Amino acid sequence: MAKQSHELSATAVASRETDPQEAIVDREQRATLQECIGSLPALEKEAVLLRLGQGLSYKQISEVMDLSVSHVGVLLHQALGRLRSTMNPSK
């Protein structure tokens, strides 16, 4: 069952990659997201990059940044809120 799901996902990704409009939209969204992440305050940016870029857990991020796990949670909550409002200003 998992194999079928993976195959469907790969097919969906492949079809998006072959659609030039979708590829352009994806690139633009990635560029916008990178710009928004770059504009975050330093601690929030570092936490986001460790979480989303490297896939670290809150505990691992807290160890890397020498912060409490709860502080990491607050930083990520604030950062993701900023990113949401920047990426979707009408919502």
PDB file of N, CA and C in Angstrom:
ATOM      1  N   MET A   1       0.817  -1.192   0.000  1.00  0.00           N
ATOM      2  CA  MET A   1       0.000   0.000   0.000  1.00  0.00           C
ATOM      3  C   MET A   1       0.861   1.256   0.000  1.00  0.00           C
ATOM      4  N   ALA A   2       1.919   1.260   0.819  1.00  0.00           N
ATOM      5  CA  ALA A   2       2.794   2.431   0.872  1.00  0.00           C
ATOM      6  C   ALA A   2       3.488   2.658  -0.459  1.00  0.00           C
ATOM      7  N   LYS A   3       3.793   1.565  -1.161  1.00  0.00           N
ATOM      8  CA  LYS A   3       4.468   1.699  -2.438  1.00  0.00           C
ATOM      9  C   LYS A   3       3.581   2.418  -3.450  1.00  0.00           C
ATOM     10  N   GLN A   4       2.280   2.082  -3.474  1.00  0.00           N
ATOM     11  CA  GLN A   4       1.362   2.759  -4.376  1.00  0.00           C
ATOM     12  C   GLN A   4       1.304   4.245  -4.058  1.00  0.00           C
ATOM     13  N   SER A   5       1.211   4.570  -2.791  1.00  0.00           N
ATOM     14  CA  SER A   5       1.158   5.969  -2.377  1.00  0.00           C
ATOM     15  C   SER A   5       2.395   6.714  -2.843  1.00  0.00           C
ATOM     16  N   HIS A   6       3.557   6.068  -2.692  1.00  0.00           N
ATOM     17  CA  HIS A   6       4.809   6.686  -3.126  1.00  0.00           C
ATOM     18  C   HIS A   6       4.811   6.877  -4.639  1.00  0.00           C
ATOM     19  N   GLU A   7       4.324   5.866  -5.366  1.00  0.00           N
ATOM     20  CA  GLU A   7       4.283   5.968  -6.818  1.00  0.00           C
ATOM     21  C   GLU A   7       3.361   7.088  -7.257  1.00  0.00           C
ATOM     22  N   LEU A   8       2.220   7.228  -6.582  1.00  0.00           N
ATOM     23  CA  LEU A   8       1.295   8.307  -6.921  1.00  0.00           C
ATOM     24  C   LEU A   8       1.941   9.661  -6.653  1.00  0.00           C
ATOM     25  N   SER A   9       2.639   9.759  -5.551  1.00  0.00           N
ATOM     26  CA  SER A   9       3.304  11.014  -5.227  1.00  0.00           C
ATOM     27  C   SER A   9       4.367  11.346  -6.260  1.00  0.00           C
ATOM     28  N   ALA A  10       5.136  10.367  -6.650  1.00  0.00           N
ATOM     29  CA  ALA A  10       6.178  10.589  -7.651  1.00  0.00           C
ATOM     30  C   ALA A  10       5.556  11.001  -8.971  1.00  0.00           C
ATOM     31  N   THR A  11       4.429  10.395  -9.324  1.00  0.00           N
ATOM     32  CA  THR A  11       3.734  10.750 -10.556  1.00  0.00           C
ATOM     33  C   THR A  11       3.222  12.183 -10.486  1.00  0.00           C
ATOM     34  N   ALA A  12       2.655  12.548  -9.338  1.00  0.00           N
ATOM     35  CA  ALA A  12       2.144  13.916  -9.177  1.00  0.00           C
ATOM     36  C   ALA A  12       3.277  14.929  -9.280  1.00  0.00           C
ATOM     37  N   VAL A  13       4.397  14.626  -8.668  1.00  0.00           N
ATOM     38  CA  VAL A  13       5.547  15.534  -8.737  1.00  0.00           C
ATOM     39  C   VAL A  13       6.053  15.621 -10.164  1.00  0.00           C
ATOM     40  N   ALA A  14       6.150  14.500 -10.842  1.00  0.00           N
ATOM     41  CA  ALA A  14       6.641  14.492 -12.216  1.00  0.00           C
ATOM     42  C   ALA A  14       5.726  15.308 -13.118  1.00  0.00           C
ATOM     43  N   SER A  15       4.405  15.198 -12.916  1.00  0.00           N
ATOM     44  CA  SER A  15       3.490  15.955 -13.765  1.00  0.00           C
ATOM     45  C   SER A  15       3.605  17.450 -13.498  1.00  0.00           C
ATOM     46  N   ARG A  16       3.852  17.841 -12.247  1.00  0.00           N
ATOM     47  CA  ARG A  16       4.040  19.264 -11.929  1.00  0.00           C
ATOM     48  C   ARG A  16       5.326  19.782 -12.566  1.00  0.00           C
ATOM     49  N   GLU A  17       6.346  18.931 -12.593  1.00  0.00           N
ATOM     50  CA  GLU A  17       7.623  19.349 -13.167  1.00  0.00           C
ATOM     51  C   GLU A  17       7.531  19.515 -14.678  1.00  0.00           C
ATOM     52  N   THR A  18       6.637  18.783 -15.318  1.00  0.00           N
ATOM     53  CA  THR A  18       6.523  18.888 -16.766  1.00  0.00           C
ATOM     54  C   THR A  18       5.590  20.012 -17.185  1.00  0.00           C
ATOM     55  N   ASP A  19       4.838  20.568 -16.265  1.00  0.00           N
ATOM     56  CA  ASP A  19       3.950  21.689 -16.562  1.00  0.00           C
ATOM     57  C   ASP A  19       4.737  22.985 -16.333  1.00  0.00           C
ATOM     58  N   PRO A  20       5.073  23.699 -17.405  1.00  0.00           N
ATOM     59  CA  PRO A  20       5.898  24.901 -17.258  1.00  0.00           C
ATOM     60  C   PRO A  20       5.278  25.964 -16.347  1.00  0.00           C
ATOM     61  N   GLN A  21       3.969  26.134 -16.405  1.00  0.00           N
ATOM     62  CA  GLN A  21       3.332  27.134 -15.537  1.00  0.00           C
ATOM     63  C   GLN A  21       3.488  26.767 -14.075  1.00  0.00           C
ATOM     64  N   GLU A  22       3.263  25.491 -13.747  1.00  0.00           N
ATOM     65  CA  GLU A  22       3.410  25.046 -12.365  1.00  0.00           C
ATOM     66  C   GLU A  22       4.857  25.204 -11.902  1.00  0.00           C
ATOM     67  N   ALA A  23       5.791  24.907 -12.774  1.00  0.00           N
ATOM     68  CA  ALA A  23       7.205  25.042 -12.418  1.00  0.00           C
ATOM     69  C   ALA A  23       7.554  26.500 -12.120  1.00  0.00           C
ATOM     70  N   ILE A  24       7.017  27.412 -12.902  1.00  0.00           N
ATOM     71  CA  ILE A  24       7.264  28.841 -12.678  1.00  0.00           C
ATOM     72  C   ILE A  24       6.667  29.284 -11.356  1.00  0.00           C
ATOM     73  N   VAL A  25       5.438  28.873 -11.096  1.00  0.00           N
ATOM     74  CA  VAL A  25       4.775  29.231  -9.837  1.00  0.00           C
ATOM     75  C   VAL A  25       5.559  28.671  -8.656  1.00  0.00           C
ATOM     76  N   ASP A  26       5.983  27.407  -8.757  1.00  0.00           N
ATOM     77  CA  ASP A  26       6.761  26.791  -7.680  1.00  0.00           C
ATOM     78  C   ASP A  26       8.050  27.568  -7.420  1.00  0.00           C
ATOM     79  N   ARG A  27       8.758  27.937  -8.492  1.00  0.00           N
ATOM     80  CA  ARG A  27      10.012  28.702  -8.326  1.00  0.00           C
ATOM     81  C   ARG A  27       9.749  30.053  -7.676  1.00  0.00           C
ATOM     82  N   GLU A  28       8.685  30.728  -8.109  1.00  0.00           N
ATOM     83  CA  GLU A  28       8.358  32.036  -7.544  1.00  0.00           C
ATOM     84  C   GLU A  28       8.007  31.919  -6.067  1.00  0.00           C
ATOM     85  N   GLN A  29       7.239  30.890  -5.712  1.00  0.00           N
ATOM     86  CA  GLN A  29       6.876  30.699  -4.308  1.00  0.00           C
ATOM     87  C   GLN A  29       8.094  30.381  -3.463  1.00  0.00           C
ATOM     88  N   ARG A  30       8.988  29.553  -3.981  1.00  0.00           N
ATOM     89  CA  ARG A  30      10.217  29.242  -3.235  1.00  0.00           C
ATOM     90  C   ARG A  30      11.070  30.493  -3.042  1.00  0.00           C
ATOM     91  N   ALA A  31      11.176  31.307  -4.089  1.00  0.00           N
ATOM     92  CA  ALA A  31      11.961  32.539  -3.989  1.00  0.00           C
ATOM     93  C   ALA A  31      11.344  33.484  -2.977  1.00  0.00           C
ATOM     94  N   THR A  32      10.022  33.605  -2.987  1.00  0.00           N
ATOM     95  CA  THR A  32       9.330  34.467  -2.030  1.00  0.00           C
ATOM     96  C   THR A  32       9.541  33.959  -0.609  1.00  0.00           C
ATOM     97  N   LEU A  33       9.424  32.645  -0.426  1.00  0.00           N
ATOM     98  CA  LEU A  33       9.628  32.060   0.898  1.00  0.00           C
ATOM     99  C   LEU A  33      11.053  32.306   1.384  1.00  0.00           C
ATOM    100  N   GLN A  34      12.037  32.116   0.523  1.00  0.00           N
ATOM    101  CA  GLN A  34      13.433  32.365   0.912  1.00  0.00           C
ATOM    102  C   GLN A  34      13.639  33.825   1.299  1.00  0.00           C
ATOM    103  N   GLU A  35      13.029  34.727   0.554  1.00  0.00           N
ATOM    104  CA  GLU A  35      13.142  36.149   0.874  1.00  0.00           C
ATOM    105  C   GLU A  35      12.502  36.453   2.225  1.00  0.00           C
ATOM    106  N   CYS A  36      11.336  35.862   2.472  1.00  0.00           N
ATOM    107  CA  CYS A  36      10.645  36.085   3.748  1.00  0.00           C
ATOM    108  C   CYS A  36      11.445  35.516   4.915  1.00  0.00           C
ATOM    109  N   ILE A  37      12.002  34.331   4.735  1.00  0.00           N
ATOM    110  CA  ILE A  37      12.828  33.741   5.794  1.00  0.00           C
ATOM    111  C   ILE A  37      14.042  34.627   6.053  1.00  0.00           C
ATOM    112  N   GLY A  38      14.625  35.153   4.997  1.00  0.00           N
ATOM    113  CA  GLY A  38      15.777  36.036   5.144  1.00  0.00           C
ATOM    114  C   GLY A  38      15.478  37.303   5.910  1.00  0.00           C
ATOM    115  N   SER A  39      14.222  37.726   5.918  1.00  0.00           N
ATOM    116  CA  SER A  39      13.854  38.972   6.605  1.00  0.00           C
ATOM    117  C   SER A  39      13.442  38.746   8.059  1.00  0.00           C
ATOM    118  N   LEU A  40      13.403  37.498   8.505  1.00  0.00           N
ATOM    119  CA  LEU A  40      13.036  37.221   9.903  1.00  0.00           C
ATOM    120  C   LEU A  40      14.134  37.697  10.852  1.00  0.00           C
ATOM    121  N   PRO A  41      13.763  38.003  12.101  1.00  0.00           N
ATOM    122  CA  PRO A  41      14.799  38.280  13.112  1.00  0.00           C
ATOM    123  C   PRO A  41      15.755  37.090  13.214  1.00  0.00           C
ATOM    124  N   ALA A  42      16.984  37.356  13.584  1.00  0.00           N
ATOM    125  CA  ALA A  42      18.060  36.356  13.546  1.00  0.00           C
ATOM    126  C   ALA A  42      17.726  35.052  14.260  1.00  0.00           C
ATOM    127  N   LEU A  43      17.219  35.108  15.483  1.00  0.00           N
ATOM    128  CA  LEU A  43      16.930  33.874  16.216  1.00  0.00           C
ATOM    129  C   LEU A  43      15.814  33.080  15.561  1.00  0.00           C
ATOM    130  N   GLU A  44      14.774  33.781  15.087  1.00  0.00           N
ATOM    131  CA  GLU A  44      13.672  33.101  14.413  1.00  0.00           C
ATOM    132  C   GLU A  44      14.158  32.451  13.125  1.00  0.00           C
ATOM    133  N   LYS A  45      14.970  33.177  12.379  1.00  0.00           N
ATOM    134  CA  LYS A  45      15.496  32.644  11.124  1.00  0.00           C
ATOM    135  C   LYS A  45      16.327  31.387  11.375  1.00  0.00           C
ATOM    136  N   GLU A  46      17.191  31.437  12.374  1.00  0.00           N
ATOM    137  CA  GLU A  46      18.028  30.277  12.685  1.00  0.00           C
ATOM    138  C   GLU A  46      17.169  29.081  13.073  1.00  0.00           C
ATOM    139  N   ALA A  47      16.156  29.306  13.906  1.00  0.00           N
ATOM    140  CA  ALA A  47      15.277  28.213  14.328  1.00  0.00           C
ATOM    141  C   ALA A  47      14.531  27.618  13.140  1.00  0.00           C
ATOM    142  N   VAL A  48      14.023  28.462  12.259  1.00  0.00           N
ATOM    143  CA  VAL A  48      13.291  27.990  11.080  1.00  0.00           C
ATOM    144  C   VAL A  48      14.213  27.183  10.166  1.00  0.00           C
ATOM    145  N   LEU A  49      15.407  27.683   9.936  1.00  0.00           N
ATOM    146  CA  LEU A  49      16.335  26.974   9.058  1.00  0.00           C
ATOM    147  C   LEU A  49      16.748  25.623   9.643  1.00  0.00           C
ATOM    148  N   LEU A  50      16.916  25.572  10.949  1.00  0.00           N
ATOM    149  CA  LEU A  50      17.259  24.297  11.581  1.00  0.00           C
ATOM    150  C   LEU A  50      16.091  23.323  11.512  1.00  0.00           C
ATOM    151  N   ARG A  51      14.875  23.842  11.689  1.00  0.00           N
ATOM    152  CA  ARG A  51      13.689  22.974  11.682  1.00  0.00           C
ATOM    153  C   ARG A  51      13.328  22.535  10.258  1.00  0.00           C
ATOM    154  N   LEU A  52      13.147  23.497   9.379  1.00  0.00           N
ATOM    155  CA  LEU A  52      12.687  23.175   8.027  1.00  0.00           C
ATOM    156  C   LEU A  52      13.824  22.758   7.105  1.00  0.00           C
ATOM    157  N   GLY A  53      14.964  23.392   7.245  1.00  0.00           N
ATOM    158  CA  GLY A  53      16.078  23.095   6.360  1.00  0.00           C
ATOM    159  C   GLY A  53      16.817  21.822   6.717  1.00  0.00           C
ATOM    160  N   GLN A  54      16.971  21.584   8.023  1.00  0.00           N
ATOM    161  CA  GLN A  54      17.741  20.413   8.448  1.00  0.00           C
ATOM    162  C   GLN A  54      16.890  19.348   9.115  1.00  0.00           C
ATOM    163  N   GLY A  55      15.619  19.659   9.364  1.00  0.00           N
ATOM    164  CA  GLY A  55      14.712  18.677   9.946  1.00  0.00           C
ATOM    165  C   GLY A  55      14.981  18.325  11.398  1.00  0.00           C
ATOM    166  N   LEU A  56      15.614  19.254  12.122  1.00  0.00           N
ATOM    167  CA  LEU A  56      15.913  18.974  13.528  1.00  0.00           C
ATOM    168  C   LEU A  56      14.652  19.062  14.385  1.00  0.00           C
ATOM    169  N   SER A  57      14.644  18.314  15.467  1.00  0.00           N
ATOM    170  CA  SER A  57      13.544  18.361  16.428  1.00  0.00           C
ATOM    171  C   SER A  57      13.704  19.623  17.293  1.00  0.00           C
ATOM    172  N   TYR A  58      12.644  19.961  18.023  1.00  0.00           N
ATOM    173  CA  TYR A  58      12.720  21.112  18.924  1.00  0.00           C
ATOM    174  C   TYR A  58      13.860  20.919  19.924  1.00  0.00           C
ATOM    175  N   LYS A  59      13.999  19.701  20.442  1.00  0.00           N
ATOM    176  CA  LYS A  59      15.063  19.425  21.423  1.00  0.00           C
ATOM    177  C   LYS A  59      16.441  19.626  20.798  1.00  0.00           C
ATOM    178  N   GLN A  60      16.623  19.122  19.591  1.00  0.00           N
ATOM    179  CA  GLN A  60      17.913  19.294  18.920  1.00  0.00           C
ATOM    180  C   GLN A  60      18.193  20.771  18.658  1.00  0.00           C
ATOM    181  N   ILE A  61      17.178  21.504  18.240  1.00  0.00           N
ATOM    182  CA  ILE A  61      17.353  22.943  17.997  1.00  0.00           C
ATOM    183  C   ILE A  61      17.720  23.640  19.292  1.00  0.00           C
ATOM    184  N   SER A  62      17.069  23.262  20.386  1.00  0.00           N
ATOM    185  CA  SER A  62      17.364  23.892  21.680  1.00  0.00           C
ATOM    186  C   SER A  62      18.811  23.655  22.085  1.00  0.00           C
ATOM    187  N   GLU A  63      19.330  22.488  21.755  1.00  0.00           N
ATOM    188  CA  GLU A  63      20.731  22.184  22.086  1.00  0.00           C
ATOM    189  C   GLU A  63      21.681  22.988  21.203  1.00  0.00           C
ATOM    190  N   VAL A  64      21.385  23.069  19.917  1.00  0.00           N
ATOM    191  CA  VAL A  64      22.239  23.818  18.989  1.00  0.00           C
ATOM    192  C   VAL A  64      22.256  25.305  19.339  1.00  0.00           C
ATOM    193  N   MET A  65      21.065  25.841  19.654  1.00  0.00           N
ATOM    194  CA  MET A  65      20.945  27.279  19.896  1.00  0.00           C
ATOM    195  C   MET A  65      21.151  27.649  21.367  1.00  0.00           C
ATOM    196  N   ASP A  66      21.314  26.635  22.229  1.00  0.00           N
ATOM    197  CA  ASP A  66      21.477  26.832  23.667  1.00  0.00           C
ATOM    198  C   ASP A  66      20.298  27.615  24.251  1.00  0.00           C
ATOM    199  N   LEU A  67      19.100  27.137  23.918  1.00  0.00           N
ATOM    200  CA  LEU A  67      17.854  27.720  24.417  1.00  0.00           C
ATOM    201  C   LEU A  67      16.989  26.606  24.988  1.00  0.00           C
ATOM    202  N   SER A  68      15.975  26.972  25.761  1.00  0.00           N
ATOM    203  CA  SER A  68      15.042  25.959  26.238  1.00  0.00           C
ATOM    204  C   SER A  68      14.155  25.499  25.079  1.00  0.00           C
ATOM    205  N   VAL A  69      13.616  24.316  25.219  1.00  0.00           N
ATOM    206  CA  VAL A  69      12.723  23.775  24.199  1.00  0.00           C
ATOM    207  C   VAL A  69      11.511  24.687  24.045  1.00  0.00           C
ATOM    208  N   SER A  70      11.001  25.207  25.144  1.00  0.00           N
ATOM    209  CA  SER A  70       9.831  26.093  25.064  1.00  0.00           C
ATOM    210  C   SER A  70      10.170  27.394  24.327  1.00  0.00           C
ATOM    211  N   HIS A  71      11.373  27.904  24.516  1.00  0.00           N
ATOM    212  CA  HIS A  71      11.789  29.117  23.794  1.00  0.00           C
ATOM    213  C   HIS A  71      11.864  28.835  22.287  1.00  0.00           C
ATOM    214  N   VAL A  72      12.362  27.660  21.923  1.00  0.00           N
ATOM    215  CA  VAL A  72      12.401  27.258  20.518  1.00  0.00           C
ATOM    216  C   VAL A  72      10.983  27.222  19.961  1.00  0.00           C
ATOM    217  N   GLY A  73      10.049  26.672  20.736  1.00  0.00           N
ATOM    218  CA  GLY A  73       8.657  26.623  20.306  1.00  0.00           C
ATOM    219  C   GLY A  73       8.082  28.003  20.066  1.00  0.00           C
ATOM    220  N   VAL A  74       8.395  28.935  20.956  1.00  0.00           N
ATOM    221  CA  VAL A  74       7.923  30.311  20.803  1.00  0.00           C
ATOM    222  C   VAL A  74       8.533  30.938  19.551  1.00  0.00           C
ATOM    223  N   LEU A  75       9.823  30.768  19.358  1.00  0.00           N
ATOM    224  CA  LEU A  75      10.489  31.329  18.177  1.00  0.00           C
ATOM    225  C   LEU A  75       9.871  30.798  16.887  1.00  0.00           C
ATOM    226  N   LEU A  76       9.648  29.487  16.831  1.00  0.00           N
ATOM    227  CA  LEU A  76       9.075  28.894  15.628  1.00  0.00           C
ATOM    228  C   LEU A  76       7.632  29.338  15.413  1.00  0.00           C
ATOM    229  N   HIS A  77       6.882  29.446  16.491  1.00  0.00           N
ATOM    230  CA  HIS A  77       5.500  29.917  16.385  1.00  0.00           C
ATOM    231  C   HIS A  77       5.465  31.342  15.830  1.00  0.00           C
ATOM    232  N   GLN A  78       6.297  32.199  16.379  1.00  0.00           N
ATOM    233  CA  GLN A  78       6.350  33.589  15.903  1.00  0.00           C
ATOM    234  C   GLN A  78       6.807  33.656  14.444  1.00  0.00           C
ATOM    235  N   ALA A  79       7.847  32.907  14.130  1.00  0.00           N
ATOM    236  CA  ALA A  79       8.396  32.941  12.779  1.00  0.00           C
ATOM    237  C   ALA A  79       7.379  32.437  11.758  1.00  0.00           C
ATOM    238  N   LEU A  80       6.728  31.332  12.069  1.00  0.00           N
ATOM    239  CA  LEU A  80       5.756  30.780  11.123  1.00  0.00           C
ATOM    240  C   LEU A  80       4.552  31.706  10.972  1.00  0.00           C
ATOM    241  N   GLY A  81       4.176  32.386  12.048  1.00  0.00           N
ATOM    242  CA  GLY A  81       3.105  33.380  11.945  1.00  0.00           C
ATOM    243  C   GLY A  81       3.497  34.522  11.028  1.00  0.00           C
ATOM    244  N   ARG A  82       4.730  34.989  11.178  1.00  0.00           N
ATOM    245  CA  ARG A  82       5.220  36.062  10.294  1.00  0.00           C
ATOM    246  C   ARG A  82       5.249  35.593   8.837  1.00  0.00           C
ATOM    247  N   LEU A  83       5.730  34.378   8.625  1.00  0.00           N
ATOM    248  CA  LEU A  83       5.810  33.851   7.257  1.00  0.00           C
ATOM    249  C   LEU A  83       4.419  33.702   6.640  1.00  0.00           C
ATOM    250  N   ARG A  84       3.471  33.199   7.442  1.00  0.00           N
ATOM    251  CA  ARG A  84       2.105  33.068   6.930  1.00  0.00           C
ATOM    252  C   ARG A  84       1.522  34.411   6.537  1.00  0.00           C
ATOM    253  N   SER A  85       1.687  35.402   7.403  1.00  0.00           N
ATOM    254  CA  SER A  85       1.097  36.709   7.102  1.00  0.00           C
ATOM    255  C   SER A  85       1.795  37.398   5.934  1.00  0.00           C
ATOM    256  N   THR A  86       3.075  37.151   5.756  1.00  0.00           N
ATOM    257  CA  THR A  86       3.801  37.730   4.644  1.00  0.00           C
ATOM    258  C   THR A  86       3.459  37.032   3.334  1.00  0.00           C
ATOM    259  N   MET A  87       3.356  35.709   3.388  1.00  0.00           N
ATOM    260  CA  MET A  87       3.077  34.937   2.178  1.00  0.00           C
ATOM    261  C   MET A  87       1.617  35.052   1.743  1.00  0.00           C
ATOM    262  N   ASN A  88       0.715  35.239   2.714  1.00  0.00           N
ATOM    263  CA  ASN A  88      -0.716  35.343   2.428  1.00  0.00           C
ATOM    264  C   ASN A  88      -1.284  36.590   3.105  1.00  0.00           C
ATOM    265  N   PRO A  89      -0.951  37.785   2.644  1.00  0.00           N
ATOM    266  CA  PRO A  89      -1.350  39.009   3.331  1.00  0.00           C
ATOM    267  C   PRO A  89      -2.863  39.221   3.409  1.00  0.00           C
ATOM    268  N   SER A  90      -3.636  38.613   2.537  1.00  0.00           N
ATOM    269  CA  SER A  90      -5.087  38.830   2.553  1.00  0.00           C
ATOM    270  C   SER A  90      -5.796  38.002   3.600  1.00  0.00           C
ATOM    271  N   LYS A  91      -5.109  37.046   4.215  1.00  0.00           N
ATOM    272  CA  LYS A  91      -5.752  36.161   5.206  1.00  0.00           C
ATOM    273  C   LYS A  91      -5.484  36.617   6.606  1.00  0.00           C
TER     274      LYS A  91
END
